[in-house]
Amino acid sequence: MAEDPRDWQIETRAVRGGLARTPYGEISEALFLNQSFAYDSAAAADARFAGEAPGFIYQRFGNPTTQMFEDRLALLEGAEACRATASGMAAVHLSLMGLVRAGDHIVAGRALFGSCRWILSEWMPRFGVETTYVDATDLEAWKTAVRPNTKVFLVESPANPLLEVTAIGAVADIAHAAGAKLVVDNVFATPIFQKPLALGADIVVYSATKHIDGQGRVLGGAILGQAELMTEAYKDIARHCGPALSPFNAWVLLKGLETLELRVRRQTENAGRVADAIAAHSKAKQTIYPGRPDHPQAAVIANQMTGGGNVVAFDLGSREAAWRFLDALQIVDISNNLGDAKSMATHPSTTTHRSMPEEERVAIGLTQGWVRMSVGLEGSGDLIRDVSRALDAA
């Protein structure tokens, strides 16, 4: 009996899911660096364009290497279908644009990455789509925000940068009762620690630039969900608007998926130790980490996440203290990326969330003293020594 990949353990899915070898029998996935494809005849081209015959047409529509990445990530996520995109923000943009039209309404968690907030506040209104922001942890706020024309709920969980966690199943129930779809940005939890589709979400988005690549090399994104919805909402817009992932980036991300589970678990072990060290230091006014029992949404986390992830947020009280901390680091890099093998820290108010108006940052609790740290694969002892020394300098 043939093996069913859906029965595989997650480690096996990450290494072998979606594998499609050429007649040469290569072990490492083949990289197809080509834009278009040839047909045996004009009739064959006609049949393929009509969707009556299988095969690839044009790299913007699909590519064998990209298809392997999409199939593998879908298997990891437990999704029926995946659409890869050129970046994480392309995935977020496409996930929303495919579900709304002029006159529609979106409800979104207030705590969002700066570029996501810009899309909702500055870009979508140009096309007649309004957004209401709510405290994502307040279920009554979601219910109150619903309008007759509400079509999408959007949430990051854990959220960037202060790691707020939303009860995905409860919010999905509210969205569905209103006739809306729930889109969840799952990048901080990764498919290793949280499965939004299994919790009731309709669409999951990723910046594959983060943990999936995990080594600072390429940009990429992905949208995942049920096959019928993915086709209905995204097939045409993805084909005609061109947010395609390059085959080379898809190949790099395929190799990243092979070690995703190993890297994320080790990063999470390190993050737990680093978070405890930060929390114990006198300079830290508050420390937030989803793996600690003092997280504000610890009960929700216990219900829907199986690990805390690798990101820690902590408040040093002022921008000056935060900058002194960052400037004193000798091992950890100052960088706005996350999910990398290398540890990095940033000051969100002046980097990732700089575009948010000050009053909106304050509304999500992001004052000038906060630092966000993505914990990598270095030795935890070295990281704790570096971070403790920098905290002393703060």
Foldseek 3Di string as FASTA:
>chain_A
DDDDLLPDDLLCLLLDFLADDDPVPDRQHDQDQDFADDAPDPVRLVCVVVVNDDDDGGVLQHDSLLRSLFRSLCSLLVFPTKAKFQALVVQLLLVVQLFDAAPAEEEEELQAWQVSVCCQPPPVVVRRYHYDYDNQADLVRLLVPQDLRYAEYEYEALGPPQGDHHLLLSSLVSQVVSNYAYEYEDAQQGSLWFRSVVSRHAKYKYFCCAQLLQANDHTMMMIGHYPVSCCSRRNVCSNPVRRHHRSVVSSSSSVSSSCSNVWFVLLQVLQVLLQVLLVPDPQWPDKAWQADCPHPPVVSCVVGTPTGTNKMKTFRPALVLQVLLQVQFDQEDDDDGASHQGKYKYQCCVPRNVNPPPVSCVVVPRDRRMMMIHGHNPDSVVVSVRNNRSSVRD
